[in-house]
Amino acid sequence: MSYKCDLTGKGKQFGHNVSFSQRKTAKVWKPNLQVKTIMIDGQKVRLKLAASTIRTLKKYQAEELAKAQKAEAQTA
């Protein structure tokens, strides 16, 4: 299983845990991946997305909806 976001490419990061005695042990930070089904061009597609990517998608969908409602209100 790959730990990589299908949309943004965000993946694992490597570093060290550092104890009080400055001993360094290997550490891996993994992205918070979720499997989501989204509509792309009228087709359902299952993607592994990072939680931060899902939040960003929700944000831009809300902005598009607000713009559409504002344009609709101006024309009516």
PDB file of N, CA and C in Angstrom:
ATOM      1  N   MET A   1       0.843  -1.178   0.000  1.00  0.00           N
ATOM      2  CA  MET A   1       0.000   0.000   0.000  1.00  0.00           C
ATOM      3  C   MET A   1       0.888   1.240   0.000  1.00  0.00           C
ATOM      4  N   SER A   2       0.639   2.116  -0.953  1.00  0.00           N
ATOM      5  CA  SER A   2       1.450   3.334  -0.993  1.00  0.00           C
ATOM      6  C   SER A   2       0.820   4.412  -0.120  1.00  0.00           C
ATOM      7  N   TYR A   3       1.644   5.120   0.596  1.00  0.00           N
ATOM      8  CA  TYR A   3       1.178   6.210   1.448  1.00  0.00           C
ATOM      9  C   TYR A   3       1.346   7.509   0.676  1.00  0.00           C
ATOM     10  N   LYS A   4       0.475   7.722  -0.327  1.00  0.00           N
ATOM     11  CA  LYS A   4       0.583   8.900  -1.160  1.00  0.00           C
ATOM     12  C   LYS A   4      -0.809   9.345  -1.586  1.00  0.00           C
ATOM     13  N   CYS A   5      -1.047  10.643  -1.492  1.00  0.00           N
ATOM     14  CA  CYS A   5      -2.314  11.221  -1.922  1.00  0.00           C
ATOM     15  C   CYS A   5      -2.377  11.158  -3.444  1.00  0.00           C
ATOM     16  N   ASP A   6      -3.481  10.653  -3.991  1.00  0.00           N
ATOM     17  CA  ASP A   6      -3.609  10.516  -5.443  1.00  0.00           C
ATOM     18  C   ASP A   6      -3.709  11.862  -6.153  1.00  0.00           C
ATOM     19  N   LEU A   7      -4.173  12.883  -5.467  1.00  0.00           N
ATOM     20  CA  LEU A   7      -4.377  14.180  -6.104  1.00  0.00           C
ATOM     21  C   LEU A   7      -3.171  15.104  -5.954  1.00  0.00           C
ATOM     22  N   THR A   8      -2.645  15.245  -4.749  1.00  0.00           N
ATOM     23  CA  THR A   8      -1.565  16.198  -4.505  1.00  0.00           C
ATOM     24  C   THR A   8      -0.188  15.553  -4.474  1.00  0.00           C
ATOM     25  N   GLY A   9      -0.112  14.242  -4.292  1.00  0.00           N
ATOM     26  CA  GLY A   9       1.180  13.570  -4.228  1.00  0.00           C
ATOM     27  C   GLY A   9       1.843  13.648  -2.867  1.00  0.00           C
ATOM     28  N   LYS A  10       1.113  14.180  -1.871  1.00  0.00           N
ATOM     29  CA  LYS A  10       1.665  14.261  -0.515  1.00  0.00           C
ATOM     30  C   LYS A  10       1.930  12.839  -0.018  1.00  0.00           C
ATOM     31  N   GLY A  11       3.139  12.606   0.496  1.00  0.00           N
ATOM     32  CA  GLY A  11       3.502  11.254   0.915  1.00  0.00           C
ATOM     33  C   GLY A  11       4.208  11.232   2.252  1.00  0.00           C
ATOM     34  N   LYS A  12       4.924  10.118   2.502  1.00  0.00           N
ATOM     35  CA  LYS A  12       5.641   9.946   3.762  1.00  0.00           C
ATOM     36  C   LYS A  12       6.782  10.942   3.866  1.00  0.00           C
ATOM     37  N   GLN A  13       7.088  11.322   5.121  1.00  0.00           N
ATOM     38  CA  GLN A  13       8.272  12.132   5.398  1.00  0.00           C
ATOM     39  C   GLN A  13       9.096  11.393   6.443  1.00  0.00           C
ATOM     40  N   PHE A  14      10.408  11.546   6.356  1.00  0.00           N
ATOM     41  CA  PHE A  14      11.305  10.823   7.240  1.00  0.00           C
ATOM     42  C   PHE A  14      12.076  11.784   8.128  1.00  0.00           C
ATOM     43  N   GLY A  15      12.421  11.313   9.303  1.00  0.00           N
ATOM     44  CA  GLY A  15      13.206  12.116  10.228  1.00  0.00           C
ATOM     45  C   GLY A  15      13.637  11.268  11.403  1.00  0.00           C
ATOM     46  N   HIS A  16      13.859  11.921  12.542  1.00  0.00           N
ATOM     47  CA  HIS A  16      14.314  11.233  13.747  1.00  0.00           C
ATOM     48  C   HIS A  16      13.453  11.590  14.940  1.00  0.00           C
ATOM     49  N   ASN A  17      13.224  10.598  15.806  1.00  0.00           N
ATOM     50  CA  ASN A  17      12.779  10.875  17.165  1.00  0.00           C
ATOM     51  C   ASN A  17      14.044  11.189  17.940  1.00  0.00           C
ATOM     52  N   VAL A  18      14.023  12.255  18.719  1.00  0.00           N
ATOM     53  CA  VAL A  18      15.211  12.622  19.480  1.00  0.00           C
ATOM     54  C   VAL A  18      14.849  12.610  20.962  1.00  0.00           C
ATOM     55  N   SER A  19      15.511  11.736  21.705  1.00  0.00           N
ATOM     56  CA  SER A  19      15.251  11.628  23.139  1.00  0.00           C
ATOM     57  C   SER A  19      16.018  12.693  23.903  1.00  0.00           C
ATOM     58  N   PHE A  20      15.791  12.748  25.196  1.00  0.00           N
ATOM     59  CA  PHE A  20      16.490  13.703  26.062  1.00  0.00           C
ATOM     60  C   PHE A  20      18.001  13.515  25.971  1.00  0.00           C
ATOM     61  N   SER A  21      18.428  12.261  25.817  1.00  0.00           N
ATOM     62  CA  SER A  21      19.866  11.982  25.727  1.00  0.00           C
ATOM     63  C   SER A  21      20.409  12.200  24.309  1.00  0.00           C
ATOM     64  N   GLN A  22      19.572  12.756  23.431  1.00  0.00           N
ATOM     65  CA  GLN A  22      19.926  13.063  22.039  1.00  0.00           C
ATOM     66  C   GLN A  22      20.143  11.820  21.172  1.00  0.00           C
ATOM     67  N   ARG A  23      19.649  10.684  21.621  1.00  0.00           N
ATOM     68  CA  ARG A  23      19.705   9.468  20.809  1.00  0.00           C
ATOM     69  C   ARG A  23      18.681   9.617  19.692  1.00  0.00           C
ATOM     70  N   LYS A  24      19.048   9.325  18.474  1.00  0.00           N
ATOM     71  CA  LYS A  24      18.154   9.513  17.326  1.00  0.00           C
ATOM     72  C   LYS A  24      17.701   8.159  16.784  1.00  0.00           C
ATOM     73  N   THR A  25      16.405   7.966  16.708  1.00  0.00           N
ATOM     74  CA  THR A  25      15.847   6.747  16.139  1.00  0.00           C
ATOM     75  C   THR A  25      14.963   7.137  14.958  1.00  0.00           C
ATOM     76  N   ALA A  26      14.858   6.234  14.011  1.00  0.00           N
ATOM     77  CA  ALA A  26      14.115   6.508  12.771  1.00  0.00           C
ATOM     78  C   ALA A  26      12.648   6.781  13.058  1.00  0.00           C
ATOM     79  N   LYS A  27      12.090   7.752  12.346  1.00  0.00           N
ATOM     80  CA  LYS A  27      10.689   8.140  12.508  1.00  0.00           C
ATOM     81  C   LYS A  27      10.110   8.387  11.121  1.00  0.00           C
ATOM     82  N   VAL A  28       8.873   7.948  10.920  1.00  0.00           N
ATOM     83  CA  VAL A  28       8.178   8.186   9.658  1.00  0.00           C
ATOM     84  C   VAL A  28       6.866   8.888   9.966  1.00  0.00           C
ATOM     85  N   TRP A  29       6.608  10.005   9.296  1.00  0.00           N
ATOM     86  CA  TRP A  29       5.331  10.694   9.399  1.00  0.00           C
ATOM     87  C   TRP A  29       4.530  10.352   8.160  1.00  0.00           C
ATOM     88  N   LYS A  30       3.342   9.774   8.376  1.00  0.00           N
ATOM     89  CA  LYS A  30       2.494   9.381   7.252  1.00  0.00           C
ATOM     90  C   LYS A  30       1.327  10.348   7.126  1.00  0.00           C
ATOM     91  N   PRO A  31       0.897  10.639   5.903  1.00  0.00           N
ATOM     92  CA  PRO A  31      -0.252  11.522   5.730  1.00  0.00           C
ATOM     93  C   PRO A  31      -1.533  10.812   6.169  1.00  0.00           C
ATOM     94  N   ASN A  32      -2.524  11.597   6.567  1.00  0.00           N
ATOM     95  CA  ASN A  32      -3.812  11.055   6.987  1.00  0.00           C
ATOM     96  C   ASN A  32      -4.632  10.772   5.735  1.00  0.00           C
ATOM     97  N   LEU A  33      -4.484   9.560   5.188  1.00  0.00           N
ATOM     98  CA  LEU A  33      -5.155   9.204   3.931  1.00  0.00           C
ATOM     99  C   LEU A  33      -6.533   8.604   4.192  1.00  0.00           C
ATOM    100  N   GLN A  34      -7.489   9.023   3.365  1.00  0.00           N
ATOM    101  CA  GLN A  34      -8.856   8.516   3.422  1.00  0.00           C
ATOM    102  C   GLN A  34      -9.260   8.113   2.011  1.00  0.00           C
ATOM    103  N   VAL A  35     -10.013   7.031   1.886  1.00  0.00           N
ATOM    104  CA  VAL A  35     -10.532   6.631   0.577  1.00  0.00           C
ATOM    105  C   VAL A  35     -11.862   7.345   0.376  1.00  0.00           C
ATOM    106  N   LYS A  36     -11.945   8.148  -0.678  1.00  0.00           N
ATOM    107  CA  LYS A  36     -13.161   8.911  -0.974  1.00  0.00           C
ATOM    108  C   LYS A  36     -13.597   8.632  -2.398  1.00  0.00           C
ATOM    109  N   THR A  37     -14.906   8.622  -2.608  1.00  0.00           N
ATOM    110  CA  THR A  37     -15.474   8.499  -3.937  1.00  0.00           C
ATOM    111  C   THR A  37     -15.947   9.872  -4.364  1.00  0.00           C
ATOM    112  N   ILE A  38     -15.403  10.380  -5.468  1.00  0.00           N
ATOM    113  CA  ILE A  38     -15.812  11.687  -5.957  1.00  0.00           C
ATOM    114  C   ILE A  38     -16.255  11.565  -7.407  1.00  0.00           C
ATOM    115  N   MET A  39     -17.076  12.529  -7.827  1.00  0.00           N
ATOM    116  CA  MET A  39     -17.571  12.541  -9.198  1.00  0.00           C
ATOM    117  C   MET A  39     -16.614  13.348 -10.070  1.00  0.00           C
ATOM    118  N   ILE A  40     -16.094  12.727 -11.126  1.00  0.00           N
ATOM    119  CA  ILE A  40     -15.242  13.405 -12.097  1.00  0.00           C
ATOM    120  C   ILE A  40     -15.839  13.153 -13.474  1.00  0.00           C
ATOM    121  N   ASP A  41     -16.274  14.222 -14.118  1.00  0.00           N
ATOM    122  CA  ASP A  41     -16.913  14.135 -15.438  1.00  0.00           C
ATOM    123  C   ASP A  41     -18.079  13.148 -15.450  1.00  0.00           C
ATOM    124  N   GLY A  42     -18.880  13.156 -14.389  1.00  0.00           N
ATOM    125  CA  GLY A  42     -20.063  12.302 -14.314  1.00  0.00           C
ATOM    126  C   GLY A  42     -19.787  10.858 -13.944  1.00  0.00           C
ATOM    127  N   GLN A  43     -18.538  10.507 -13.639  1.00  0.00           N
ATOM    128  CA  GLN A  43     -18.210   9.139 -13.243  1.00  0.00           C
ATOM    129  C   GLN A  43     -17.698   9.130 -11.818  1.00  0.00           C
ATOM    130  N   LYS A  44     -18.090   8.099 -11.061  1.00  0.00           N
ATOM    131  CA  LYS A  44     -17.600   7.950  -9.701  1.00  0.00           C
ATOM    132  C   LYS A  44     -16.206   7.345  -9.738  1.00  0.00           C
ATOM    133  N   VAL A  45     -15.273   7.994  -9.030  1.00  0.00           N
ATOM    134  CA  VAL A  45     -13.885   7.536  -8.990  1.00  0.00           C
ATOM    135  C   VAL A  45     -13.461   7.446  -7.531  1.00  0.00           C
ATOM    136  N   ARG A  46     -12.868   6.301  -7.140  1.00  0.00           N
ATOM    137  CA  ARG A  46     -12.369   6.140  -5.774  1.00  0.00           C
ATOM    138  C   ARG A  46     -10.916   6.579  -5.734  1.00  0.00           C
ATOM    139  N   LEU A  47     -10.621   7.519  -4.838  1.00  0.00           N
ATOM    140  CA  LEU A  47      -9.274   8.045  -4.702  1.00  0.00           C
ATOM    141  C   LEU A  47      -8.828   7.990  -3.253  1.00  0.00           C
ATOM    142  N   LYS A  48      -7.509   7.824  -3.056  1.00  0.00           N
ATOM    143  CA  LYS A  48      -6.921   7.953  -1.722  1.00  0.00           C
ATOM    144  C   LYS A  48      -6.491   9.401  -1.583  1.00  0.00           C
ATOM    145  N   LEU A  49      -7.155  10.146  -0.692  1.00  0.00           N
ATOM    146  CA  LEU A  49      -6.876  11.565  -0.535  1.00  0.00           C
ATOM    147  C   LEU A  49      -6.427  11.861   0.888  1.00  0.00           C
ATOM    148  N   ALA A  50      -5.508  12.812   1.033  1.00  0.00           N
ATOM    149  CA  ALA A  50      -5.104  13.289   2.353  1.00  0.00           C
ATOM    150  C   ALA A  50      -6.258  14.114   2.924  1.00  0.00           C
ATOM    151  N   ALA A  51      -6.403  14.108   4.238  1.00  0.00           N
ATOM    152  CA  ALA A  51      -7.482  14.856   4.888  1.00  0.00           C
ATOM    153  C   ALA A  51      -7.379  16.342   4.560  1.00  0.00           C
ATOM    154  N   SER A  52      -6.171  16.875   4.464  1.00  0.00           N
ATOM    155  CA  SER A  52      -6.000  18.287   4.119  1.00  0.00           C
ATOM    156  C   SER A  52      -6.507  18.565   2.701  1.00  0.00           C
ATOM    157  N   THR A  53      -6.339  17.610   1.789  1.00  0.00           N
ATOM    158  CA  THR A  53      -6.827  17.758   0.418  1.00  0.00           C
ATOM    159  C   THR A  53      -8.347  17.760   0.398  1.00  0.00           C
ATOM    160  N   ILE A  54      -8.962  16.902   1.204  1.00  0.00           N
ATOM    161  CA  ILE A  54     -10.429  16.834   1.270  1.00  0.00           C
ATOM    162  C   ILE A  54     -10.978  18.159   1.773  1.00  0.00           C
ATOM    163  N   ARG A  55     -10.338  18.749   2.802  1.00  0.00           N
ATOM    164  CA  ARG A  55     -10.779  20.045   3.328  1.00  0.00           C
ATOM    165  C   ARG A  55     -10.668  21.130   2.270  1.00  0.00           C
ATOM    166  N   THR A  56      -9.581  21.098   1.497  1.00  0.00           N
ATOM    167  CA  THR A  56      -9.384  22.099   0.450  1.00  0.00           C
ATOM    168  C   THR A  56     -10.445  21.959  -0.634  1.00  0.00           C
ATOM    169  N   LEU A  57     -10.751  20.719  -1.024  1.00  0.00           N
ATOM    170  CA  LEU A  57     -11.792  20.489  -2.032  1.00  0.00           C
ATOM    171  C   LEU A  57     -13.134  21.010  -1.550  1.00  0.00           C
ATOM    172  N   LYS A  58     -13.472  20.759  -0.293  1.00  0.00           N
ATOM    173  CA  LYS A  58     -14.733  21.251   0.277  1.00  0.00           C
ATOM    174  C   LYS A  58     -14.781  22.771   0.249  1.00  0.00           C
ATOM    175  N   LYS A  59     -13.644  23.404   0.561  1.00  0.00           N
ATOM    176  CA  LYS A  59     -13.568  24.863   0.583  1.00  0.00           C
ATOM    177  C   LYS A  59     -13.874  25.437  -0.801  1.00  0.00           C
ATOM    178  N   TYR A  60     -13.240  24.902  -1.842  1.00  0.00           N
ATOM    179  CA  TYR A  60     -13.434  25.441  -3.174  1.00  0.00           C
ATOM    180  C   TYR A  60     -14.809  25.108  -3.732  1.00  0.00           C
ATOM    181  N   GLN A  61     -15.384  23.978  -3.347  1.00  0.00           N
ATOM    182  CA  GLN A  61     -16.758  23.661  -3.764  1.00  0.00           C
ATOM    183  C   GLN A  61     -17.728  24.650  -3.143  1.00  0.00           C
ATOM    184  N   ALA A  62     -17.498  25.016  -1.876  1.00  0.00           N
ATOM    185  CA  ALA A  62     -18.364  25.983  -1.201  1.00  0.00           C
ATOM    186  C   ALA A  62     -18.243  27.353  -1.865  1.00  0.00           C
ATOM    187  N   GLU A  63     -17.023  27.742  -2.251  1.00  0.00           N
ATOM    188  CA  GLU A  63     -16.826  29.025  -2.920  1.00  0.00           C
ATOM    189  C   GLU A  63     -17.535  29.051  -4.267  1.00  0.00           C
ATOM    190  N   GLU A  64     -17.459  27.961  -5.030  1.00  0.00           N
ATOM    191  CA  GLU A  64     -18.138  27.889  -6.324  1.00  0.00           C
ATOM    192  C   GLU A  64     -19.640  27.983  -6.148  1.00  0.00           C
ATOM    193  N   LEU A  65     -20.177  27.321  -5.122  1.00  0.00           N
ATOM    194  CA  LEU A  65     -21.604  27.358  -4.855  1.00  0.00           C
ATOM    195  C   LEU A  65     -22.043  28.779  -4.498  1.00  0.00           C
ATOM    196  N   ALA A  66     -21.244  29.469  -3.688  1.00  0.00           N
ATOM    197  CA  ALA A  66     -21.572  30.842  -3.299  1.00  0.00           C
ATOM    198  C   ALA A  66     -21.546  31.765  -4.516  1.00  0.00           C
ATOM    199  N   LYS A  67     -20.556  31.596  -5.401  1.00  0.00           N
ATOM    200  CA  LYS A  67     -20.482  32.409  -6.618  1.00  0.00           C
ATOM    201  C   LYS A  67     -21.696  32.167  -7.504  1.00  0.00           C
ATOM    202  N   ALA A  68     -22.093  30.897  -7.634  1.00  0.00           N
ATOM    203  CA  ALA A  68     -23.250  30.562  -8.472  1.00  0.00           C
ATOM    204  C   ALA A  68     -24.518  31.182  -7.903  1.00  0.00           C
ATOM    205  N   GLN A  69     -24.686  31.127  -6.590  1.00  0.00           N
ATOM    206  CA  GLN A  69     -25.871  31.713  -5.970  1.00  0.00           C
ATOM    207  C   GLN A  69     -25.868  33.233  -6.120  1.00  0.00           C
ATOM    208  N   LYS A  70     -24.709  33.851  -6.015  1.00  0.00           N
ATOM    209  CA  LYS A  70     -24.608  35.308  -6.150  1.00  0.00           C
ATOM    210  C   LYS A  70     -24.950  35.724  -7.586  1.00  0.00           C
ATOM    211  N   ALA A  71     -24.427  34.992  -8.564  1.00  0.00           N
ATOM    212  CA  ALA A  71     -24.717  35.283  -9.975  1.00  0.00           C
ATOM    213  C   ALA A  71     -26.190  35.078 -10.272  1.00  0.00           C
ATOM    214  N   GLU A  72     -26.778  34.056  -9.682  1.00  0.00           N
ATOM    215  CA  GLU A  72     -28.200  33.763  -9.876  1.00  0.00           C
ATOM    216  C   GLU A  72     -29.062  34.876  -9.276  1.00  0.00           C
ATOM    217  N   ALA A  73     -28.637  35.385  -8.130  1.00  0.00           N
ATOM    218  CA  ALA A  73     -29.389  36.455  -7.465  1.00  0.00           C
ATOM    219  C   ALA A  73     -29.304  37.756  -8.266  1.00  0.00           C
ATOM    220  N   GLN A  74     -28.180  38.007  -8.916  1.00  0.00           N
ATOM    221  CA  GLN A  74     -28.019  39.224  -9.698  1.00  0.00           C
ATOM    222  C   GLN A  74     -28.837  39.179 -10.973  1.00  0.00           C
ATOM    223  N   THR A  75     -28.968  38.005 -11.586  1.00  0.00           N
ATOM    224  CA  THR A  75     -29.727  37.886 -12.832  1.00  0.00           C
ATOM    225  C   THR A  75     -31.233  37.887 -12.574  1.00  0.00           C
ATOM    226  N   ALA A  76     -31.642  37.477 -11.386  1.00  0.00           N
ATOM    227  CA  ALA A  76     -33.081  37.392 -11.080  1.00  0.00           C
ATOM    228  C   ALA A  76     -33.663  38.717 -10.631  1.00  0.00           C
TER     229      ALA A  76
END
